[in-house]
PDB file of N, CA and C in Angstrom:
ATOM      1  N   MET A   1      46.675  22.079 -30.638  1.00  0.00           N
ATOM      2  CA  MET A   1      45.713  22.682 -29.732  1.00  0.00           C
ATOM      3  C   MET A   1      46.428  23.617 -28.793  1.00  0.00           C
ATOM      4  N   SER A   2      45.731  24.630 -28.490  1.00  0.00           N
ATOM      5  CA  SER A   2      46.360  25.584 -27.595  1.00  0.00           C
ATOM      6  C   SER A   2      46.195  25.108 -26.159  1.00  0.00           C
ATOM      7  N   LEU A   3      47.039  25.625 -25.333  1.00  0.00           N
ATOM      8  CA  LEU A   3      47.031  25.270 -23.927  1.00  0.00           C
ATOM      9  C   LEU A   3      45.723  25.712 -23.257  1.00  0.00           C
ATOM     10  N   ALA A   4      45.138  26.797 -23.700  1.00  0.00           N
ATOM     11  CA  ALA A   4      43.889  27.298 -23.125  1.00  0.00           C
ATOM     12  C   ALA A   4      42.737  26.328 -23.409  1.00  0.00           C
ATOM     13  N   LEU A   5      42.682  25.786 -24.636  1.00  0.00           N
ATOM     14  CA  LEU A   5      41.629  24.831 -24.974  1.00  0.00           C
ATOM     15  C   LEU A   5      41.757  23.546 -24.167  1.00  0.00           C
ATOM     16  N   ILE A   6      42.975  23.074 -24.012  1.00  0.00           N
ATOM     17  CA  ILE A   6      43.204  21.869 -23.217  1.00  0.00           C
ATOM     18  C   ILE A   6      42.772  22.110 -21.778  1.00  0.00           C
ATOM     19  N   HIS A   7      43.110  23.268 -21.241  1.00  0.00           N
ATOM     20  CA  HIS A   7      42.733  23.603 -19.881  1.00  0.00           C
ATOM     21  C   HIS A   7      41.212  23.686 -19.741  1.00  0.00           C
ATOM     22  N   ASP A   8      40.530  24.307 -20.717  1.00  0.00           N
ATOM     23  CA  ASP A   8      39.065  24.416 -20.687  1.00  0.00           C
ATOM     24  C   ASP A   8      38.408  23.044 -20.766  1.00  0.00           C
ATOM     25  N   ARG A   9      38.924  22.189 -21.627  1.00  0.00           N
ATOM     26  CA  ARG A   9      38.369  20.844 -21.757  1.00  0.00           C
ATOM     27  C   ARG A   9      38.558  20.062 -20.458  1.00  0.00           C
ATOM     28  N   GLN A  10      39.728  20.182 -19.873  1.00  0.00           N
ATOM     29  CA  GLN A  10      39.997  19.495 -18.614  1.00  0.00           C
ATOM     30  C   GLN A  10      39.074  20.034 -17.507  1.00  0.00           C
ATOM     31  N   HIS A  11      38.863  21.330 -17.503  1.00  0.00           N
ATOM     32  CA  HIS A  11      37.988  21.939 -16.502  1.00  0.00           C
ATOM     33  C   HIS A  11      36.543  21.445 -16.676  1.00  0.00           C
ATOM     34  N   ILE A  12      36.061  21.399 -17.909  1.00  0.00           N
ATOM     35  CA  ILE A  12      34.703  20.922 -18.182  1.00  0.00           C
ATOM     36  C   ILE A  12      34.573  19.446 -17.813  1.00  0.00           C
ATOM     37  N   LYS A  13      35.568  18.653 -18.180  1.00  0.00           N
ATOM     38  CA  LYS A  13      35.552  17.224 -17.861  1.00  0.00           C
ATOM     39  C   LYS A  13      35.530  17.025 -16.344  1.00  0.00           C
ATOM     40  N   THR A  14      36.354  17.735 -15.628  1.00  0.00           N
ATOM     41  CA  THR A  14      36.404  17.629 -14.170  1.00  0.00           C
ATOM     42  C   THR A  14      35.079  18.059 -13.558  1.00  0.00           C
ATOM     43  N   PHE A  15      34.497  19.140 -14.082  1.00  0.00           N
ATOM     44  CA  PHE A  15      33.215  19.616 -13.578  1.00  0.00           C
ATOM     45  C   PHE A  15      32.154  18.526 -13.685  1.00  0.00           C
ATOM     46  N   TRP A  16      32.033  17.921 -14.867  1.00  0.00           N
ATOM     47  CA  TRP A  16      31.002  16.912 -15.069  1.00  0.00           C
ATOM     48  C   TRP A  16      31.293  15.627 -14.295  1.00  0.00           C
ATOM     49  N   GLU A  17      32.539  15.243 -14.171  1.00  0.00           N
ATOM     50  CA  GLU A  17      32.876  14.067 -13.359  1.00  0.00           C
ATOM     51  C   GLU A  17      32.483  14.294 -11.900  1.00  0.00           C
ATOM     52  N   ASN A  18      32.759  15.491 -11.409  1.00  0.00           N
ATOM     53  CA  ASN A  18      32.375  15.817 -10.031  1.00  0.00           C
ATOM     54  C   ASN A  18      30.853  15.840  -9.877  1.00  0.00           C
ATOM     55  N   TRP A  19      30.176  16.433 -10.862  1.00  0.00           N
ATOM     56  CA  TRP A  19      28.714  16.501 -10.798  1.00  0.00           C
ATOM     57  C   TRP A  19      28.111  15.099 -10.775  1.00  0.00           C
ATOM     58  N   ILE A  20      28.614  14.206 -11.623  1.00  0.00           N
ATOM     59  CA  ILE A  20      28.126  12.813 -11.674  1.00  0.00           C
ATOM     60  C   ILE A  20      28.411  12.106 -10.351  1.00  0.00           C
ATOM     61  N   HIS A  21      29.590  12.316  -9.801  1.00  0.00           N
ATOM     62  CA  HIS A  21      29.959  11.696  -8.535  1.00  0.00           C
ATOM     63  C   HIS A  21      29.016  12.158  -7.410  1.00  0.00           C
ATOM     64  N   VAL A  22      28.768  13.445  -7.333  1.00  0.00           N
ATOM     65  CA  VAL A  22      27.874  13.984  -6.297  1.00  0.00           C
ATOM     66  C   VAL A  22      26.452  13.455  -6.499  1.00  0.00           C
ATOM     67  N   HIS A  23      26.001  13.419  -7.739  1.00  0.00           N
ATOM     68  CA  HIS A  23      24.663  12.912  -8.038  1.00  0.00           C
ATOM     69  C   HIS A  23      24.543  11.448  -7.631  1.00  0.00           C
ATOM     70  N   ASP A  24      25.554  10.646  -7.940  1.00  0.00           N
ATOM     71  CA  ASP A  24      25.546   9.238  -7.547  1.00  0.00           C
ATOM     72  C   ASP A  24      25.510   9.082  -6.032  1.00  0.00           C
ATOM     73  N   GLN A  25      26.243   9.922  -5.316  1.00  0.00           N
ATOM     74  CA  GLN A  25      26.230   9.858  -3.852  1.00  0.00           C
ATOM     75  C   GLN A  25      24.841  10.190  -3.310  1.00  0.00           C
ATOM     76  N   HIS A  26      24.211  11.211  -3.873  1.00  0.00           N
ATOM     77  CA  HIS A  26      22.866  11.568  -3.436  1.00  0.00           C
ATOM     78  C   HIS A  26      21.877  10.441  -3.725  1.00  0.00           C
ATOM     79  N   ALA A  27      21.980   9.862  -4.899  1.00  0.00           N
ATOM     80  CA  ALA A  27      21.067   8.776  -5.277  1.00  0.00           C
ATOM     81  C   ALA A  27      21.269   7.567  -4.361  1.00  0.00           C
ATOM     82  N   THR A  28      22.510   7.241  -4.060  1.00  0.00           N
ATOM     83  CA  THR A  28      22.803   6.117  -3.160  1.00  0.00           C
ATOM     84  C   THR A  28      22.266   6.401  -1.760  1.00  0.00           C
ATOM     85  N   GLY A  29      22.478   7.608  -1.278  1.00  0.00           N
ATOM     86  CA  GLY A  29      21.966   7.984   0.040  1.00  0.00           C
ATOM     87  C   GLY A  29      20.453   7.930   0.100  1.00  0.00           C
ATOM     88  N   GLU A  30      19.792   8.381  -0.946  1.00  0.00           N
ATOM     89  CA  GLU A  30      18.331   8.359  -0.998  1.00  0.00           C
ATOM     90  C   GLU A  30      17.814   6.923  -1.014  1.00  0.00           C
ATOM     91  N   GLU A  31      18.474   6.060  -1.767  1.00  0.00           N
ATOM     92  CA  GLU A  31      18.072   4.655  -1.820  1.00  0.00           C
ATOM     93  C   GLU A  31      18.240   3.995  -0.452  1.00  0.00           C
ATOM     94  N   GLN A  32      19.342   4.282   0.218  1.00  0.00           N
ATOM     95  CA  GLN A  32      19.560   3.734   1.556  1.00  0.00           C
ATOM     96  C   GLN A  32      18.511   4.259   2.537  1.00  0.00           C
ATOM     97  N   ARG A  33      18.158   5.524   2.416  1.00  0.00           N
ATOM     98  CA  ARG A  33      17.144   6.111   3.293  1.00  0.00           C
ATOM     99  C   ARG A  33      15.797   5.437   3.090  1.00  0.00           C
ATOM    100  N   ARG A  34      15.431   5.211   1.818  1.00  0.00           N
ATOM    101  CA  ARG A  34      14.153   4.555   1.530  1.00  0.00           C
ATOM    102  C   ARG A  34      14.136   3.117   2.024  1.00  0.00           C
ATOM    103  N   ASN A  35      15.261   2.422   1.870  1.00  0.00           N
ATOM    104  CA  ASN A  35      15.328   1.040   2.326  1.00  0.00           C
ATOM    105  C   ASN A  35      15.248   0.947   3.849  1.00  0.00           C
ATOM    106  N   ALA A  36      15.772   1.947   4.542  1.00  0.00           N
ATOM    107  CA  ALA A  36      15.746   1.944   5.999  1.00  0.00           C
ATOM    108  C   ALA A  36      14.413   2.446   6.541  1.00  0.00           C
ATOM    109  N   SER A  37      13.590   3.012   5.689  1.00  0.00           N
ATOM    110  CA  SER A  37      12.317   3.573   6.119  1.00  0.00           C
ATOM    111  C   SER A  37      11.373   2.470   6.576  1.00  0.00           C
ATOM    112  N   ALA A  38      10.589   2.771   7.580  1.00  0.00           N
ATOM    113  CA  ALA A  38       9.612   1.816   8.099  1.00  0.00           C
ATOM    114  C   ALA A  38       8.310   1.869   7.317  1.00  0.00           C
ATOM    115  N   LEU A  39       8.223   2.729   6.336  1.00  0.00           N
ATOM    116  CA  LEU A  39       6.986   2.915   5.588  1.00  0.00           C
ATOM    117  C   LEU A  39       6.540   1.630   4.898  1.00  0.00           C
ATOM    118  N   HIS A  40       7.462   0.911   4.290  1.00  0.00           N
ATOM    119  CA  HIS A  40       7.111  -0.327   3.593  1.00  0.00           C
ATOM    120  C   HIS A  40       6.520  -1.338   4.578  1.00  0.00           C
ATOM    121  N   LYS A  41       7.139  -1.461   5.737  1.00  0.00           N
ATOM    122  CA  LYS A  41       6.658  -2.388   6.758  1.00  0.00           C
ATOM    123  C   LYS A  41       5.267  -1.963   7.245  1.00  0.00           C
ATOM    124  N   LEU A  42       5.088  -0.664   7.465  1.00  0.00           N
ATOM    125  CA  LEU A  42       3.790  -0.169   7.929  1.00  0.00           C
ATOM    126  C   LEU A  42       2.691  -0.418   6.897  1.00  0.00           C
ATOM    127  N   ARG A  43       3.008  -0.234   5.633  1.00  0.00           N
ATOM    128  CA  ARG A  43       2.016  -0.500   4.585  1.00  0.00           C
ATOM    129  C   ARG A  43       1.580  -1.952   4.615  1.00  0.00           C
ATOM    130  N   GLY A  44       2.539  -2.852   4.777  1.00  0.00           N
ATOM    131  CA  GLY A  44       2.209  -4.273   4.859  1.00  0.00           C
ATOM    132  C   GLY A  44       1.329  -4.586   6.055  1.00  0.00           C
ATOM    133  N   GLU A  45       1.639  -3.976   7.202  1.00  0.00           N
ATOM    134  CA  GLU A  45       0.833  -4.199   8.395  1.00  0.00           C
ATOM    135  C   GLU A  45      -0.591  -3.667   8.197  1.00  0.00           C
ATOM    136  N   TRP A  46      -0.724  -2.501   7.591  1.00  0.00           N
ATOM    137  CA  TRP A  46      -2.051  -1.937   7.365  1.00  0.00           C
ATOM    138  C   TRP A  46      -2.844  -2.771   6.371  1.00  0.00           C
ATOM    139  N   LEU A  47      -2.183  -3.302   5.347  1.00  0.00           N
ATOM    140  CA  LEU A  47      -2.889  -4.164   4.401  1.00  0.00           C
ATOM    141  C   LEU A  47      -3.414  -5.408   5.100  1.00  0.00           C
ATOM    142  N   THR A  48      -2.606  -5.980   5.988  1.00  0.00           N
ATOM    143  CA  THR A  48      -3.034  -7.151   6.751  1.00  0.00           C
ATOM    144  C   THR A  48      -4.232  -6.801   7.626  1.00  0.00           C
ATOM    145  N   ARG A  49      -4.166  -5.666   8.304  1.00  0.00           N
ATOM    146  CA  ARG A  49      -5.288  -5.235   9.147  1.00  0.00           C
ATOM    147  C   ARG A  49      -6.564  -5.034   8.334  1.00  0.00           C
ATOM    148  N   LEU A  50      -6.426  -4.398   7.175  1.00  0.00           N
ATOM    149  CA  LEU A  50      -7.600  -4.155   6.335  1.00  0.00           C
ATOM    150  C   LEU A  50      -8.201  -5.462   5.822  1.00  0.00           C
ATOM    151  N   GLU A  51      -7.343  -6.411   5.455  1.00  0.00           N
ATOM    152  CA  GLU A  51      -7.849  -7.702   4.990  1.00  0.00           C
ATOM    153  C   GLU A  51      -8.607  -8.415   6.100  1.00  0.00           C
ATOM    154  N   LYS A  52      -8.061  -8.390   7.322  1.00  0.00           N
ATOM    155  CA  LYS A  52      -8.745  -9.022   8.454  1.00  0.00           C
ATOM    156  C   LYS A  52     -10.066  -8.323   8.745  1.00  0.00           C
ATOM    157  N   ARG A  53     -10.057  -6.989   8.684  1.00  0.00           N
ATOM    158  CA  ARG A  53     -11.277  -6.215   8.932  1.00  0.00           C
ATOM    159  C   ARG A  53     -12.348  -6.543   7.900  1.00  0.00           C
ATOM    160  N   ASN A  54     -11.948  -6.582   6.631  1.00  0.00           N
ATOM    161  CA  ASN A  54     -12.905  -6.885   5.573  1.00  0.00           C
ATOM    162  C   ASN A  54     -13.476  -8.289   5.721  1.00  0.00           C
ATOM    163  N   THR A  55     -12.630  -9.242   6.088  1.00  0.00           N
ATOM    164  CA  THR A  55     -13.087 -10.613   6.306  1.00  0.00           C
ATOM    165  C   THR A  55     -14.077 -10.659   7.462  1.00  0.00           C
ATOM    166  N   HIS A  56     -13.743  -9.956   8.537  1.00  0.00           N
ATOM    167  CA  HIS A  56     -14.621  -9.927   9.703  1.00  0.00           C
ATOM    168  C   HIS A  56     -15.971  -9.295   9.346  1.00  0.00           C
ATOM    169  N   LEU A  57     -15.952  -8.186   8.622  1.00  0.00           N
ATOM    170  CA  LEU A  57     -17.197  -7.523   8.239  1.00  0.00           C
ATOM    171  C   LEU A  57     -18.045  -8.402   7.322  1.00  0.00           C
ATOM    172  N   LYS A  58     -17.390  -9.120   6.423  1.00  0.00           N
ATOM    173  CA  LYS A  58     -18.112 -10.017   5.529  1.00  0.00           C
ATOM    174  C   LYS A  58     -18.758 -11.137   6.331  1.00  0.00           C
ATOM    175  N   ASP A  59     -18.006 -11.721   7.263  1.00  0.00           N
ATOM    176  CA  ASP A  59     -18.563 -12.782   8.105  1.00  0.00           C
ATOM    177  C   ASP A  59     -19.727 -12.261   8.938  1.00  0.00           C
ATOM    178  N   LEU A  60     -19.585 -11.061   9.470  1.00  0.00           N
ATOM    179  CA  LEU A  60     -20.651 -10.447  10.264  1.00  0.00           C
ATOM    180  C   LEU A  60     -21.899 -10.208   9.418  1.00  0.00           C
ATOM    181  N   LYS A  61     -21.709  -9.741   8.197  1.00  0.00           N
ATOM    182  CA  LYS A  61     -22.840  -9.513   7.291  1.00  0.00           C
ATOM    183  C   LYS A  61     -23.525 -10.838   6.969  1.00  0.00           C
ATOM    184  N   ASP A  62     -22.734 -11.870   6.696  1.00  0.00           N
ATOM    185  CA  ASP A  62     -23.316 -13.186   6.406  1.00  0.00           C
ATOM    186  C   ASP A  62     -24.110 -13.696   7.603  1.00  0.00           C
ATOM    187  N   LEU A  63     -23.599 -13.509   8.805  1.00  0.00           N
ATOM    188  CA  LEU A  63     -24.286 -13.939  10.017  1.00  0.00           C
ATOM    189  C   LEU A  63     -25.597 -13.171  10.198  1.00  0.00           C
ATOM    190  N   ASN A  64     -25.558 -11.857   9.953  1.00  0.00           N
ATOM    191  CA  ASN A  64     -26.777 -11.053  10.056  1.00  0.00           C
ATOM    192  C   ASN A  64     -27.810 -11.468   9.011  1.00  0.00           C
ATOM    193  N   ASP A  65     -27.351 -11.809   7.818  1.00  0.00           N
ATOM    194  CA  ASP A  65     -28.269 -12.267   6.773  1.00  0.00           C
ATOM    195  C   ASP A  65     -28.945 -13.563   7.196  1.00  0.00           C
ATOM    196  N   LEU A  66     -28.194 -14.474   7.817  1.00  0.00           N
ATOM    197  CA  LEU A  66     -28.771 -15.733   8.290  1.00  0.00           C
ATOM    198  C   LEU A  66     -29.793 -15.481   9.392  1.00  0.00           C
ATOM    199  N   LYS A  67     -29.491 -14.558  10.287  1.00  0.00           N
ATOM    200  CA  LYS A  67     -30.438 -14.219  11.359  1.00  0.00           C
ATOM    201  C   LYS A  67     -31.715 -13.641  10.778  1.00  0.00           C
ATOM    202  N   ASP A  68     -31.579 -12.773   9.791  1.00  0.00           N
ATOM    203  CA  ASP A  68     -32.747 -12.174   9.155  1.00  0.00           C
ATOM    204  C   ASP A  68     -33.611 -13.244   8.487  1.00  0.00           C
ATOM    205  N   LEU A  69     -32.974 -14.210   7.827  1.00  0.00           N
ATOM    206  CA  LEU A  69     -33.729 -15.286   7.189  1.00  0.00           C
ATOM    207  C   LEU A  69     -34.462 -16.127   8.223  1.00  0.00           C
ATOM    208  N   LYS A  70     -33.800 -16.405   9.342  1.00  0.00           N
ATOM    209  CA  LYS A  70     -34.421 -17.196  10.407  1.00  0.00           C
ATOM    210  C   LYS A  70     -35.606 -16.443  10.996  1.00  0.00           C
ATOM    211  N   GLU A  71     -35.436 -15.144  11.231  1.00  0.00           N
ATOM    212  CA  GLU A  71     -36.530 -14.342  11.770  1.00  0.00           C
ATOM    213  C   GLU A  71     -37.706 -14.303  10.795  1.00  0.00           C
ATOM    214  N   LEU A  72     -37.407 -14.188   9.514  1.00  0.00           N
ATOM    215  CA  LEU A  72     -38.460 -14.172   8.507  1.00  0.00           C
ATOM    216  C   LEU A  72     -39.198 -15.506   8.486  1.00  0.00           C
ATOM    217  N   LYS A  73     -38.464 -16.590   8.582  1.00  0.00           N
ATOM    218  CA  LYS A  73     -39.065 -17.918   8.613  1.00  0.00           C
ATOM    219  C   LYS A  73     -39.928 -18.076   9.863  1.00  0.00           C
ATOM    220  N   ASP A  74     -39.425 -17.594  11.015  1.00  0.00           N
ATOM    221  CA  ASP A  74     -40.182 -17.671  12.262  1.00  0.00           C
ATOM    222  C   ASP A  74     -41.464 -16.856  12.181  1.00  0.00           C
ATOM    223  N   LEU A  75     -41.434 -15.746  11.459  1.00  0.00           N
ATOM    224  CA  LEU A  75     -42.643 -14.931  11.293  1.00  0.00           C
ATOM    225  C   LEU A  75     -43.664 -15.618  10.395  1.00  0.00           C
ATOM    226  N   LYS A  76     -43.222 -16.325   9.380  1.00  0.00           N
ATOM    227  CA  LYS A  76     -44.125 -16.980   8.439  1.00  0.00           C
ATOM    228  C   LYS A  76     -44.841 -18.164   9.084  1.00  0.00           C
ATOM    229  N   GLU A  77     -44.168 -18.902   9.944  1.00  0.00           N
ATOM    230  CA  GLU A  77     -44.753 -20.112  10.526  1.00  0.00           C
ATOM    231  C   GLU A  77     -46.011 -19.822  11.332  1.00  0.00           C
ATOM    232  N   PRO A  78     -46.049 -18.818  12.227  1.00  0.00           N
ATOM    233  CA  PRO A  78     -47.304 -18.558  12.947  1.00  0.00           C
ATOM    234  C   PRO A  78     -48.451 -18.170  12.013  1.00  0.00           C
ATOM    235  N   LEU A  79     -48.140 -17.473  10.945  1.00  0.00           N
ATOM    236  CA  LEU A  79     -49.181 -17.101   9.991  1.00  0.00           C
ATOM    237  C   LEU A  79     -49.779 -18.333   9.326  1.00  0.00           C
ATOM    238  N   VAL A  80     -48.950 -19.287   9.028  1.00  0.00           N
ATOM    239  CA  VAL A  80     -49.418 -20.523   8.402  1.00  0.00           C
ATOM    240  C   VAL A  80     -50.320 -21.269   9.376  1.00  0.00           C
ATOM    241  N   HIS A  81     -49.946 -21.325  10.647  1.00  0.00           N
ATOM    242  CA  HIS A  81     -50.748 -22.008  11.659  1.00  0.00           C
ATOM    243  C   HIS A  81     -52.096 -21.309  11.857  1.00  0.00           C
ATOM    244  N   GLN A  82     -52.115 -19.989  11.793  1.00  0.00           N
ATOM    245  CA  GLN A  82     -53.352 -19.233  11.971  1.00  0.00           C
ATOM    246  C   GLN A  82     -54.294 -19.478  10.801  1.00  0.00           C
ATOM    247  N   ILE A  83     -53.765 -19.593   9.629  1.00  0.00           N
ATOM    248  CA  ILE A  83     -54.583 -19.794   8.442  1.00  0.00           C
ATOM    249  C   ILE A  83     -55.217 -21.202   8.477  1.00  0.00           C
ATOM    250  N   LYS A  84     -54.481 -22.197   8.943  1.00  0.00           N
ATOM    251  CA  LYS A  84     -54.974 -23.567   8.997  1.00  0.00           C
ATOM    252  C   LYS A  84     -56.064 -23.705  10.058  1.00  0.00           C
ATOM    253  N   LEU A  85     -56.004 -22.943  11.110  1.00  0.00           N
ATOM    254  CA  LEU A  85     -57.003 -23.057  12.167  1.00  0.00           C
ATOM    255  C   LEU A  85     -58.270 -22.484  11.719  1.00  0.00           C
TER     256      LEU A  85
END
């Protein structure tokens, strides 16, 4: 092999080794940045808030449904008394 080919191969090998090293550093830095981000924690907090809100709204709807049934029952009773009289 000629000295020029050996030099070219070494240059290409060094180029790609450096490129891989830089890419790995960027990937590691990005992973550390994502792990340090508060976004994951905030998502969990918002999910908890939404679950509590949905539970509260469901309970409120159930309570309103019970009130409506009671009011309907209260309306029917006077009508029954009027019919019997």
